[in-house]
Amino acid sequence: MILRHPINSCGIAPERCNYKVCKEKCEKDNGKPCNKACNDLLESVALVETALSHILNAEGEKMQAMIGMDDVTAAQLLKLNRSAARLIGSASRLEAILQVKLSGLNKKL
């Protein structure tokens, strides 16, 4: 589902738009390109968040399965822990990037 901005057809007042090309298109096309760009950005962030939630859920299921095994060794659990720590670190960095994307969009609205 594509989100719509209720502010105006562009979602950004042309005098507040920071992008020259976007501003010209907003004024020329009554805001349709900016609205699409905003919607596309929000949709892309939402899709990444959904994918990330599936990855984290799969990692949790993998951990539960391994912890439930009778013959699991301490070395295997430590390896699993390092893997999970790397994944969480990567997810945190990705979340920071997504936050920057959204805050840039927020400033334009």
Protein backbone atom coordinates (compact mmCIF):
# COMPACT_ATOMS: atom_id res chain seq x y z
CA MET A 1 0.00 0.00 0.00
CA ILE A 2 1.32 3.43 -0.90
CA LEU A 3 0.88 6.12 1.73
CA ARG A 4 -0.57 9.49 0.80
CA HIS A 5 0.24 12.84 2.32
CA PRO A 6 -2.73 14.99 3.35
CA ILE A 7 -0.83 18.31 3.30
CA ASN A 8 -1.25 18.98 -0.42
CA SER A 9 -0.72 17.12 -3.65
CA CYS A 10 3.03 17.27 -3.15
CA GLY A 11 3.22 16.84 0.61
CA ILE A 12 5.86 19.57 0.58
CA ALA A 13 5.33 23.28 0.17
CA PRO A 14 7.39 24.25 -2.93
CA GLU A 15 9.17 27.03 -1.02
CA ARG A 16 10.35 24.47 1.58
CA CYS A 17 11.54 21.84 -0.90
CA ASN A 18 15.34 21.48 -0.83
CA TYR A 19 15.75 19.78 -4.17
CA LYS A 20 15.94 22.06 -7.21
CA VAL A 21 14.73 19.41 -9.65
CA CYS A 22 11.95 18.37 -7.29
CA LYS A 23 10.91 21.99 -6.73
CA GLU A 24 10.73 22.68 -10.44
CA LYS A 25 8.69 19.54 -11.04
CA CYS A 26 6.42 20.35 -8.09
CA GLU A 27 5.65 23.75 -9.51
CA LYS A 28 5.33 22.46 -13.07
CA ASP A 29 3.36 19.27 -12.40
CA ASN A 30 1.32 20.38 -9.39
CA GLY A 31 3.37 18.26 -6.99
CA LYS A 32 2.84 14.79 -8.42
CA PRO A 33 6.56 13.85 -8.69
CA CYS A 34 7.26 14.90 -5.09
CA ASN A 35 4.25 13.00 -3.81
CA LYS A 36 5.43 9.88 -5.62
CA ALA A 37 8.98 10.30 -4.32
CA CYS A 38 7.74 10.67 -0.74
CA ASN A 39 5.48 7.65 -1.09
CA ASP A 40 8.25 5.59 -2.68
CA LEU A 41 10.65 6.49 0.12
CA LEU A 42 8.15 5.57 2.83
CA GLU A 43 7.28 2.35 1.06
CA SER A 44 10.94 1.38 0.68
CA VAL A 45 11.57 1.95 4.40
CA ALA A 46 8.50 -0.11 5.28
CA LEU A 47 9.65 -2.97 3.03
CA VAL A 48 13.12 -2.97 4.57
CA GLU A 49 11.60 -2.98 8.07
CA THR A 50 9.41 -5.95 7.12
CA ALA A 51 12.36 -7.86 5.68
CA LEU A 52 14.45 -7.09 8.75
CA SER A 53 11.72 -8.38 11.06
CA HIS A 54 11.65 -11.67 9.13
CA ILE A 55 15.44 -12.00 9.37
CA LEU A 56 15.45 -11.34 13.12
CA ASN A 57 12.57 -13.76 13.65
CA ALA A 58 14.42 -16.48 11.71
CA GLU A 59 17.52 -15.88 13.82
CA GLY A 60 15.45 -16.26 16.98
CA GLU A 61 13.95 -19.51 15.73
CA LYS A 62 17.42 -20.79 14.86
CA MET A 63 18.61 -19.97 18.37
CA GLN A 64 15.63 -21.69 19.98
CA ALA A 65 16.18 -24.81 17.89
CA MET A 66 19.86 -24.98 18.75
CA ILE A 67 19.32 -24.35 22.46
CA GLY A 68 16.73 -27.14 22.51
CA MET A 69 19.18 -29.69 21.12
CA ASP A 70 20.44 -32.31 23.56
CA ASP A 71 23.96 -32.61 22.17
CA VAL A 72 24.80 -28.91 21.73
CA THR A 73 28.24 -27.90 22.99
CA ALA A 74 29.35 -24.70 24.70
CA ALA A 75 31.51 -23.90 21.65
CA GLN A 76 28.49 -24.17 19.36
CA LEU A 77 26.47 -21.89 21.63
CA LEU A 78 29.28 -19.33 21.70
CA LYS A 79 29.46 -19.43 17.90
CA LEU A 80 25.68 -18.94 17.75
CA ASN A 81 25.96 -16.02 20.17
CA ARG A 82 28.64 -14.32 18.04
CA SER A 83 26.50 -14.79 14.94
CA ALA A 84 23.48 -13.25 16.67
CA ALA A 85 25.59 -10.34 17.96
CA ARG A 86 26.84 -9.59 14.42
CA LEU A 87 23.30 -9.75 13.07
CA ILE A 88 21.99 -7.39 15.74
CA GLY A 89 24.87 -5.00 15.06
CA SER A 90 24.08 -5.00 11.35
CA ALA A 91 20.37 -4.52 12.05
CA SER A 92 21.16 -1.57 14.32
CA ARG A 93 23.27 0.09 11.62
CA LEU A 94 20.51 -0.45 9.08
CA GLU A 95 17.95 1.06 11.47
CA ALA A 96 20.17 4.15 11.83
CA ILE A 97 20.29 4.53 8.05
CA LEU A 98 16.52 4.19 7.80
CA GLN A 99 16.09 6.78 10.55
CA VAL A 100 18.22 9.24 8.57
CA LYS A 101 16.04 8.63 5.51
CA LEU A 102 12.86 9.25 7.48
CA SER A 103 14.19 12.30 9.29
CA GLY A 104 15.19 13.82 5.93
CA LEU A 105 11.65 13.25 4.71
CA ASN A 106 10.20 14.66 7.93
CA LYS A 107 12.14 17.91 7.49
CA LYS A 108 10.55 18.41 4.08
CA LEU A 109 6.97 17.97 5.28
